[in-house]
Each structure stands twice: as C-alpha cells, then as structure tokens.
Amino acid sequence: NINMIVALILLVFVAAVSFAVVSRTVPETIISYVENIIPLS
C-alpha cells in the first residue's frame, strides 16, 4: 500500500510538470501498443 501511494505521488508529479509531453505520449503509447501487438507477437 505504501508502494502504490509513493508511486502515485511520483507519477502525478512527473506528469504534472511535463504535462505537454505526457498528454501526447500516454495516448501514443496505448495506440502504438494496440497497432503493433500482432506484428510483435
């Protein structure tokens, strides 16, 4: 439980200070994963 709380704090901080980047890269990560899961498999 402590792990998850500390990890969430770290994630939120990095996302907040890099929001312009993260708002683009998180969707890109999900889309690229879906697009490439079959070729990579």
All heavy atoms as atom14 arrays in JSON, in Angstrom:
{
  "sequence": "NINMIVALILLVFVAAVSFAVVSRTVPETIISYVENIIPLS",
  "atom14_mask": [
    [1, 1, 1, 1, 1, 1, 1, 1, 0, 0, 0, 0, 0, 0],
    [1, 1, 1, 1, 1, 1, 1, 1, 0, 0, 0, 0, 0, 0],
    [1, 1, 1, 1, 1, 1, 1, 1, 0, 0, 0, 0, 0, 0],
    [1, 1, 1, 1, 1, 1, 1, 1, 0, 0, 0, 0, 0, 0],
    [1, 1, 1, 1, 1, 1, 1, 1, 0, 0, 0, 0, 0, 0],
    [1, 1, 1, 1, 1, 1, 1, 0, 0, 0, 0, 0, 0, 0],
    [1, 1, 1, 1, 1, 0, 0, 0, 0, 0, 0, 0, 0, 0],
    [1, 1, 1, 1, 1, 1, 1, 1, 0, 0, 0, 0, 0, 0],
    [1, 1, 1, 1, 1, 1, 1, 1, 0, 0, 0, 0, 0, 0],
    [1, 1, 1, 1, 1, 1, 1, 1, 0, 0, 0, 0, 0, 0],
    [1, 1, 1, 1, 1, 1, 1, 1, 0, 0, 0, 0, 0, 0],
    [1, 1, 1, 1, 1, 1, 1, 0, 0, 0, 0, 0, 0, 0],
    [1, 1, 1, 1, 1, 1, 1, 1, 1, 1, 1, 0, 0, 0],
    [1, 1, 1, 1, 1, 1, 1, 0, 0, 0, 0, 0, 0, 0],
    [1, 1, 1, 1, 1, 0, 0, 0, 0, 0, 0, 0, 0, 0],
    [1, 1, 1, 1, 1, 0, 0, 0, 0, 0, 0, 0, 0, 0],
    [1, 1, 1, 1, 1, 1, 1, 0, 0, 0, 0, 0, 0, 0],
    [1, 1, 1, 1, 1, 1, 0, 0, 0, 0, 0, 0, 0, 0],
    [1, 1, 1, 1, 1, 1, 1, 1, 1, 1, 1, 0, 0, 0],
    [1, 1, 1, 1, 1, 0, 0, 0, 0, 0, 0, 0, 0, 0],
    [1, 1, 1, 1, 1, 1, 1, 0, 0, 0, 0, 0, 0, 0],
    [1, 1, 1, 1, 1, 1, 1, 0, 0, 0, 0, 0, 0, 0],
    [1, 1, 1, 1, 1, 1, 0, 0, 0, 0, 0, 0, 0, 0],
    [1, 1, 1, 1, 1, 1, 1, 1, 1, 1, 1, 0, 0, 0],
    [1, 1, 1, 1, 1, 1, 1, 0, 0, 0, 0, 0, 0, 0],
    [1, 1, 1, 1, 1, 1, 1, 0, 0, 0, 0, 0, 0, 0],
    [1, 1, 1, 1, 1, 1, 1, 0, 0, 0, 0, 0, 0, 0],
    [1, 1, 1, 1, 1, 1, 1, 1, 1, 0, 0, 0, 0, 0],
    [1, 1, 1, 1, 1, 1, 1, 0, 0, 0, 0, 0, 0, 0],
    [1, 1, 1, 1, 1, 1, 1, 1, 0, 0, 0, 0, 0, 0],
    [1, 1, 1, 1, 1, 1, 1, 1, 0, 0, 0, 0, 0, 0],
    [1, 1, 1, 1, 1, 1, 0, 0, 0, 0, 0, 0, 0, 0],
    [1, 1, 1, 1, 1, 1, 1, 1, 1, 1, 1, 1, 0, 0],
    [1, 1, 1, 1, 1, 1, 1, 0, 0, 0, 0, 0, 0, 0],
    [1, 1, 1, 1, 1, 1, 1, 1, 1, 0, 0, 0, 0, 0],
    [1, 1, 1, 1, 1, 1, 1, 1, 0, 0, 0, 0, 0, 0],
    [1, 1, 1, 1, 1, 1, 1, 1, 0, 0, 0, 0, 0, 0],
    [1, 1, 1, 1, 1, 1, 1, 1, 0, 0, 0, 0, 0, 0],
    [1, 1, 1, 1, 1, 1, 1, 0, 0, 0, 0, 0, 0, 0],
    [1, 1, 1, 1, 1, 1, 1, 1, 0, 0, 0, 0, 0, 0],
    [1, 1, 1, 1, 1, 1, 0, 0, 0, 0, 0, 0, 0, 0]
  ],
  "atom14_positions": [
    [[0.83, -1.21, 0.0], [0.0, 0.0, 0.0], [0.86, 1.26, 0.0], [0.57, 2.24, -0.7], [-0.93, 0.0, 1.22], [-2.06, -1.01, 1.09], [-2.44, -1.39, -0.01], [-2.59, -1.47, 2.21], [0.0, 0.0, 0.0], [0.0, 0.0, 0.0], [0.0, 0.0, 0.0], [0.0, 0.0, 0.0], [0.0, 0.0, 0.0], [0.0, 0.0, 0.0]],
    [[1.95, 1.24, 0.78], [2.88, 2.37, 0.79], [3.51, 2.53, -0.59], [3.64, 3.66, -1.11], [3.97, 2.16, 1.86], [3.35, 2.2, 3.26], [5.07, 3.21, 1.74], [4.31, 1.81, 4.36], [0.0, 0.0, 0.0], [0.0, 0.0, 0.0], [0.0, 0.0, 0.0], [0.0, 0.0, 0.0], [0.0, 0.0, 0.0], [0.0, 0.0, 0.0]],
    [[3.89, 1.4, -1.21], [4.45, 1.43, -2.57], [3.56, 2.19, -3.52], [3.99, 3.07, -4.27], [4.57, -0.01, -3.12], [5.83, -0.7, -2.67], [6.78, -0.06, -2.26], [5.84, -2.0, -2.76], [0.0, 0.0, 0.0], [0.0, 0.0, 0.0], [0.0, 0.0, 0.0], [0.0, 0.0, 0.0], [0.0, 0.0, 0.0], [0.0, 0.0, 0.0]],
    [[2.28, 1.83, -3.53], [1.36, 2.4, -4.5], [1.14, 3.89, -4.25], [1.02, 4.68, -5.2], [0.02, 1.65, -4.45], [0.09, 0.23, -4.97], [0.65, 0.11, -6.71], [2.34, -0.42, -6.49], [0.0, 0.0, 0.0], [0.0, 0.0, 0.0], [0.0, 0.0, 0.0], [0.0, 0.0, 0.0], [0.0, 0.0, 0.0], [0.0, 0.0, 0.0]],
    [[1.09, 4.29, -2.98], [0.9, 5.71, -2.66], [2.09, 6.53, -3.13], [1.95, 7.57, -3.79], [0.67, 5.89, -1.15], [-0.67, 5.25, -0.73], [0.69, 7.37, -0.78], [-0.88, 5.18, 0.77], [0.0, 0.0, 0.0], [0.0, 0.0, 0.0], [0.0, 0.0, 0.0], [0.0, 0.0, 0.0], [0.0, 0.0, 0.0], [0.0, 0.0, 0.0]],
    [[3.3, 6.06, -2.8], [4.51, 6.78, -3.2], [4.65, 6.79, -4.72], [5.01, 7.82, -5.32], [5.76, 6.15, -2.54], [7.03, 6.87, -3.02], [5.67, 6.23, -1.02], [0.0, 0.0, 0.0], [0.0, 0.0, 0.0], [0.0, 0.0, 0.0], [0.0, 0.0, 0.0], [0.0, 0.0, 0.0], [0.0, 0.0, 0.0], [0.0, 0.0, 0.0]],
    [[4.37, 5.65, -5.37], [4.46, 5.58, -6.84], [3.47, 6.54, -7.49], [3.8, 7.2, -8.48], [4.21, 4.15, -7.31], [0.0, 0.0, 0.0], [0.0, 0.0, 0.0], [0.0, 0.0, 0.0], [0.0, 0.0, 0.0], [0.0, 0.0, 0.0], [0.0, 0.0, 0.0], [0.0, 0.0, 0.0], [0.0, 0.0, 0.0], [0.0, 0.0, 0.0]],
    [[2.26, 6.62, -6.92], [1.25, 7.53, -7.47], [1.71, 8.99, -7.34], [1.54, 9.78, -8.27], [-0.08, 7.33, -6.76], [-1.25, 8.21, -7.22], [-1.56, 7.95, -8.7], [-2.48, 7.97, -6.36], [0.0, 0.0, 0.0], [0.0, 0.0, 0.0], [0.0, 0.0, 0.0], [0.0, 0.0, 0.0], [0.0, 0.0, 0.0], [0.0, 0.0, 0.0]],
    [[2.29, 9.33, -6.19], [2.78, 10.69, -5.99], [3.86, 11.02, -7.02], [3.85, 12.09, -7.64], [3.34, 10.85, -4.56], [2.19, 10.76, -3.53], [4.09, 12.18, -4.4], [2.66, 10.7, -2.09], [0.0, 0.0, 0.0], [0.0, 0.0, 0.0], [0.0, 0.0, 0.0], [0.0, 0.0, 0.0], [0.0, 0.0, 0.0], [0.0, 0.0, 0.0]],
    [[4.79, 10.09, -7.21], [5.87, 10.32, -8.18], [5.32, 10.45, -9.6], [5.72, 11.34, -10.36], [6.87, 9.16, -8.11], [8.12, 9.26, -8.99], [8.95, 10.48, -8.59], [8.95, 7.98, -8.88], [0.0, 0.0, 0.0], [0.0, 0.0, 0.0], [0.0, 0.0, 0.0], [0.0, 0.0, 0.0], [0.0, 0.0, 0.0], [0.0, 0.0, 0.0]],
    [[4.37, 9.58, -9.96], [3.77, 9.61, -11.3], [3.04, 10.93, -11.54], [3.2, 11.56, -12.6], [2.81, 8.43, -11.46], [2.01, 8.36, -12.76], [2.94, 8.13, -13.94], [0.97, 7.24, -12.69], [0.0, 0.0, 0.0], [0.0, 0.0, 0.0], [0.0, 0.0, 0.0], [0.0, 0.0, 0.0], [0.0, 0.0, 0.0], [0.0, 0.0, 0.0]],
    [[2.24, 11.35, -10.57], [1.45, 12.58, -10.72], [2.38, 13.78, -10.84], [2.15, 14.68, -11.68], [0.49, 12.75, -9.52], [-0.13, 14.15, -9.53], [-0.6, 11.7, -9.57], [0.0, 0.0, 0.0], [0.0, 0.0, 0.0], [0.0, 0.0, 0.0], [0.0, 0.0, 0.0], [0.0, 0.0, 0.0], [0.0, 0.0, 0.0], [0.0, 0.0, 0.0]],
    [[3.45, 13.81, -10.07], [4.37, 14.95, -10.13], [5.04, 15.03, -11.5], [5.06, 16.1, -12.12], [5.44, 14.83, -9.04], [6.45, 15.95, -9.07], [6.17, 17.15, -8.44], [7.65, 15.81, -9.75], [7.08, 18.19, -8.48], [8.56, 16.84, -9.8], [8.28, 18.05, -9.17], [0.0, 0.0, 0.0], [0.0, 0.0, 0.0], [0.0, 0.0, 0.0]],
    [[5.59, 13.91, -11.99], [6.27, 13.91, -13.28], [5.29, 14.28, -14.39], [5.62, 15.05, -15.3], [6.93, 12.54, -13.56], [7.5, 12.49, -14.97], [8.03, 12.26, -12.54], [0.0, 0.0, 0.0], [0.0, 0.0, 0.0], [0.0, 0.0, 0.0], [0.0, 0.0, 0.0], [0.0, 0.0, 0.0], [0.0, 0.0, 0.0], [0.0, 0.0, 0.0]],
    [[4.06, 13.74, -14.31], [3.06, 14.05, -15.34], [2.66, 15.53, -15.29], [2.47, 16.16, -16.34], [1.83, 13.17, -15.14], [0.0, 0.0, 0.0], [0.0, 0.0, 0.0], [0.0, 0.0, 0.0], [0.0, 0.0, 0.0], [0.0, 0.0, 0.0], [0.0, 0.0, 0.0], [0.0, 0.0, 0.0], [0.0, 0.0, 0.0], [0.0, 0.0, 0.0]],
    [[2.57, 16.09, -14.08], [2.14, 17.48, -13.94], [3.18, 18.46, -14.49], [2.84, 19.41, -15.2], [1.85, 17.79, -12.47], [0.0, 0.0, 0.0], [0.0, 0.0, 0.0], [0.0, 0.0, 0.0], [0.0, 0.0, 0.0], [0.0, 0.0, 0.0], [0.0, 0.0, 0.0], [0.0, 0.0, 0.0], [0.0, 0.0, 0.0], [0.0, 0.0, 0.0]],
    [[4.46, 18.21, -14.17], [5.5, 19.15, -14.61], [5.87, 18.94, -16.08], [6.57, 19.76, -16.66], [6.76, 19.05, -13.72], [6.43, 19.38, -12.27], [7.42, 17.68, -13.83], [0.0, 0.0, 0.0], [0.0, 0.0, 0.0], [0.0, 0.0, 0.0], [0.0, 0.0, 0.0], [0.0, 0.0, 0.0], [0.0, 0.0, 0.0], [0.0, 0.0, 0.0]],
    [[5.41, 17.83, -16.66], [5.7, 17.56, -18.08], [4.41, 17.31, -18.84], [4.36, 16.5, -19.76], [6.62, 16.34, -18.2], [7.76, 16.45, -17.41], [0.0, 0.0, 0.0], [0.0, 0.0, 0.0], [0.0, 0.0, 0.0], [0.0, 0.0, 0.0], [0.0, 0.0, 0.0], [0.0, 0.0, 0.0], [0.0, 0.0, 0.0], [0.0, 0.0, 0.0]],
    [[3.35, 18.05, -18.46], [2.02, 17.74, -18.98], [1.94, 17.83, -20.49], [1.29, 17.01, -21.14], [0.97, 18.66, -18.35], [-0.43, 18.34, -18.77], [-1.09, 17.23, -18.27], [-1.08, 19.14, -19.72], [-2.38, 16.93, -18.67], [-2.36, 18.84, -20.12], [-3.02, 17.72, -19.6], [0.0, 0.0, 0.0], [0.0, 0.0, 0.0], [0.0, 0.0, 0.0]],
    [[2.6, 18.83, -21.07], [2.53, 19.0, -22.53], [3.09, 17.77, -23.24], [2.59, 17.38, -24.31], [3.32, 20.25, -22.94], [0.0, 0.0, 0.0], [0.0, 0.0, 0.0], [0.0, 0.0, 0.0], [0.0, 0.0, 0.0], [0.0, 0.0, 0.0], [0.0, 0.0, 0.0], [0.0, 0.0, 0.0], [0.0, 0.0, 0.0], [0.0, 0.0, 0.0]],
    [[4.12, 17.16, -22.66], [4.71, 15.95, -23.25], [3.85, 14.73, -22.96], [3.51, 13.95, -23.85], [6.15, 15.73, -22.72], [6.71, 14.4, -23.22], [7.05, 16.88, -23.12], [0.0, 0.0, 0.0], [0.0, 0.0, 0.0], [0.0, 0.0, 0.0], [0.0, 0.0, 0.0], [0.0, 0.0, 0.0], [0.0, 0.0, 0.0], [0.0, 0.0, 0.0]],
    [[3.47, 14.57, -21.69], [2.76, 13.36, -21.25], [1.38, 13.26, -21.88], [0.92, 12.16, -22.21], [2.67, 13.34, -19.71], [1.77, 12.21, -19.22], [4.06, 13.21, -19.1], [0.0, 0.0, 0.0], [0.0, 0.0, 0.0], [0.0, 0.0, 0.0], [0.0, 0.0, 0.0], [0.0, 0.0, 0.0], [0.0, 0.0, 0.0], [0.0, 0.0, 0.0]],
    [[0.71, 14.4, -22.08], [-0.62, 14.37, -22.7], [-0.56, 13.81, -24.12], [-1.57, 13.36, -24.67], [-1.23, 15.78, -22.72], [-0.41, 16.65, -23.48], [0.0, 0.0, 0.0], [0.0, 0.0, 0.0], [0.0, 0.0, 0.0], [0.0, 0.0, 0.0], [0.0, 0.0, 0.0], [0.0, 0.0, 0.0], [0.0, 0.0, 0.0], [0.0, 0.0, 0.0]],
    [[0.62, 13.85, -24.72], [0.81, 13.29, -26.06], [1.34, 11.86, -26.01], [0.9, 11.0, -26.77], [1.78, 14.18, -26.85], [2.28, 13.59, -28.16], [3.17, 14.56, -28.9], [4.27, 15.06, -28.09], [5.41, 14.4, -27.9], [5.59, 13.21, -28.45], [6.36, 14.93, -27.15], [0.0, 0.0, 0.0], [0.0, 0.0, 0.0], [0.0, 0.0, 0.0]],
    [[2.31, 11.61, -25.1], [2.99, 10.31, -25.13], [2.18, 9.17, -24.51], [2.34, 8.02, -24.94], [4.34, 10.41, -24.41], [4.15, 10.88, -23.06], [5.28, 11.35, -25.14], [0.0, 0.0, 0.0], [0.0, 0.0, 0.0], [0.0, 0.0, 0.0], [0.0, 0.0, 0.0], [0.0, 0.0, 0.0], [0.0, 0.0, 0.0], [0.0, 0.0, 0.0]],
    [[1.31, 9.46, -23.54], [0.5, 8.37, -22.98], [-0.47, 7.82, -24.03], [-0.52, 6.6, -24.24], [-0.25, 8.83, -21.71], [-1.29, 7.79, -21.29], [0.74, 9.07, -20.56], [0.0, 0.0, 0.0], [0.0, 0.0, 0.0], [0.0, 0.0, 0.0], [0.0, 0.0, 0.0], [0.0, 0.0, 0.0], [0.0, 0.0, 0.0], [0.0, 0.0, 0.0]],
    [[-1.24, 8.67, -24.74], [-2.07, 8.11, -25.82], [-1.24, 7.43, -26.9], [-1.65, 6.38, -27.44], [-2.8, 9.35, -26.38], [-2.79, 10.33, -25.27], [-1.51, 10.11, -24.54], [0.0, 0.0, 0.0], [0.0, 0.0, 0.0], [0.0, 0.0, 0.0], [0.0, 0.0, 0.0], [0.0, 0.0, 0.0], [0.0, 0.0, 0.0], [0.0, 0.0, 0.0]],
    [[-0.06, 8.0, -27.24], [0.8, 7.37, -28.25], [1.22, 5.97, -27.82], [1.3, 5.05, -28.64], [2.05, 8.24, -28.48], [1.87, 9.35, -29.47], [3.18, 10.07, -29.74], [4.22, 9.66, -29.18], [3.15, 11.05, -30.51], [0.0, 0.0, 0.0], [0.0, 0.0, 0.0], [0.0, 0.0, 0.0], [0.0, 0.0, 0.0], [0.0, 0.0, 0.0]],
    [[1.52, 5.82, -26.52], [1.94, 4.52, -26.0], [0.84, 3.49, -26.19], [1.08, 2.37, -26.67], [2.29, 4.63, -24.5], [3.35, 5.57, -24.34], [2.71, 3.28, -23.94], [0.0, 0.0, 0.0], [0.0, 0.0, 0.0], [0.0, 0.0, 0.0], [0.0, 0.0, 0.0], [0.0, 0.0, 0.0], [0.0, 0.0, 0.0], [0.0, 0.0, 0.0]],
    [[-0.38, 3.85, -25.83], [-1.52, 2.92, -25.93], [-1.82, 2.6, -27.4], [-2.0, 1.43, -27.77], [-2.76, 3.52, -25.24], [-2.48, 3.71, -23.74], [-3.98, 2.63, -25.46], [-3.54, 4.51, -23.02], [0.0, 0.0, 0.0], [0.0, 0.0, 0.0], [0.0, 0.0, 0.0], [0.0, 0.0, 0.0], [0.0, 0.0, 0.0], [0.0, 0.0, 0.0]],
    [[-1.84, 3.62, -28.26], [-2.14, 3.4, -29.68], [-1.07, 2.54, -30.34], [-1.36, 1.6, -31.09], [-2.28, 4.76, -30.41], [-3.53, 5.49, -29.91], [-2.36, 4.55, -31.92], [-3.62, 6.94, -30.37], [0.0, 0.0, 0.0], [0.0, 0.0, 0.0], [0.0, 0.0, 0.0], [0.0, 0.0, 0.0], [0.0, 0.0, 0.0], [0.0, 0.0, 0.0]],
    [[0.2, 2.85, -30.05], [1.3, 2.07, -30.64], [1.27, 0.63, -30.16], [1.56, -0.29, -30.93], [2.63, 2.73, -30.29], [3.71, 2.0, -30.84], [0.0, 0.0, 0.0], [0.0, 0.0, 0.0], [0.0, 0.0, 0.0], [0.0, 0.0, 0.0], [0.0, 0.0, 0.0], [0.0, 0.0, 0.0], [0.0, 0.0, 0.0], [0.0, 0.0, 0.0]],
    [[0.92, 0.43, -28.9], [0.81, -0.93, -28.35], [-0.25, -1.72, -29.1], [-0.02, -2.86, -29.53], [0.5, -0.84, -26.86], [0.31, -2.17, -26.16], [1.09, -3.28, -26.47], [-0.66, -2.31, -25.16], [0.92, -4.48, -25.81], [-0.83, -3.51, -24.49], [-0.04, -4.59, -24.82], [-0.22, -5.8, -24.16], [0.0, 0.0, 0.0], [0.0, 0.0, 0.0]],
    [[-1.42, -1.13, -29.28], [-2.52, -1.81, -29.97], [-2.14, -2.08, -31.43], [-2.4, -3.17, -31.96], [-3.81, -0.97, -29.89], [-4.91, -1.59, -30.76], [-4.28, -0.85, -28.44], [0.0, 0.0, 0.0], [0.0, 0.0, 0.0], [0.0, 0.0, 0.0], [0.0, 0.0, 0.0], [0.0, 0.0, 0.0], [0.0, 0.0, 0.0], [0.0, 0.0, 0.0]],
    [[-1.52, -1.11, -32.09], [-1.17, -1.26, -33.51], [-0.11, -2.33, -33.74], [-0.12, -3.0, -34.78], [-0.64, 0.08, -34.05], [-1.71, 1.13, -34.26], [-1.13, 2.45, -34.74], [0.12, 2.63, -34.64], [-1.91, 3.3, -35.21], [0.0, 0.0, 0.0], [0.0, 0.0, 0.0], [0.0, 0.0, 0.0], [0.0, 0.0, 0.0], [0.0, 0.0, 0.0]],
    [[0.8, -2.5, -32.79], [1.96, -3.34, -33.03], [1.95, -4.66, -32.27], [2.88, -5.46, -32.42], [3.24, -2.58, -32.68], [3.5, -1.43, -33.62], [3.8, -1.62, -34.78], [3.36, -0.21, -33.11], [0.0, 0.0, 0.0], [0.0, 0.0, 0.0], [0.0, 0.0, 0.0], [0.0, 0.0, 0.0], [0.0, 0.0, 0.0], [0.0, 0.0, 0.0]],
    [[0.91, -4.92, -31.48], [0.91, -6.14, -30.67], [0.93, -7.4, -31.55], [1.63, -8.37, -31.23], [-0.29, -6.16, -29.69], [-0.15, -7.37, -28.73], [-1.62, -6.19, -30.41], [-1.15, -7.35, -27.59], [0.0, 0.0, 0.0], [0.0, 0.0, 0.0], [0.0, 0.0, 0.0], [0.0, 0.0, 0.0], [0.0, 0.0, 0.0], [0.0, 0.0, 0.0]],
    [[0.23, -7.38, -32.68], [0.22, -8.57, -33.55], [1.54, -8.72, -34.29], [2.13, -9.82, -34.29], [-0.99, -8.52, -34.51], [-2.29, -8.67, -33.71], [-0.87, -9.62, -35.56], [-3.55, -8.61, -34.54], [0.0, 0.0, 0.0], [0.0, 0.0, 0.0], [0.0, 0.0, 0.0], [0.0, 0.0, 0.0], [0.0, 0.0, 0.0], [0.0, 0.0, 0.0]],
    [[2.09, -7.68, -34.94], [3.41, -7.86, -35.58], [4.49, -8.28, -34.59], [5.35, -9.12, -34.92], [3.7, -6.47, -36.16], [2.38, -5.83, -36.33], [1.52, -6.36, -35.24], [0.0, 0.0, 0.0], [0.0, 0.0, 0.0], [0.0, 0.0, 0.0], [0.0, 0.0, 0.0], [0.0, 0.0, 0.0], [0.0, 0.0, 0.0], [0.0, 0.0, 0.0]],
    [[4.47, -7.73, -33.38], [5.49, -8.08, -32.4], [5.28, -9.49, -31.84], [6.22, -10.1, -31.32], [5.48, -7.06, -31.25], [5.98, -5.66, -31.6], [5.7, -4.69, -30.46], [7.47, -5.68, -31.92], [0.0, 0.0, 0.0], [0.0, 0.0, 0.0], [0.0, 0.0, 0.0], [0.0, 0.0, 0.0], [0.0, 0.0, 0.0], [0.0, 0.0, 0.0]],
    [[4.05, -10.02, -31.97], [3.74, -11.37, -31.47], [4.02, -12.45, -32.5], [3.85, -13.64, -32.21], [2.26, -11.44, -31.05], [1.99, -10.55, -30.0], [0.0, 0.0, 0.0], [0.0, 0.0, 0.0], [0.0, 0.0, 0.0], [0.0, 0.0, 0.0], [0.0, 0.0, 0.0], [0.0, 0.0, 0.0], [0.0, 0.0, 0.0], [0.0, 0.0, 0.0]]
  ]
}
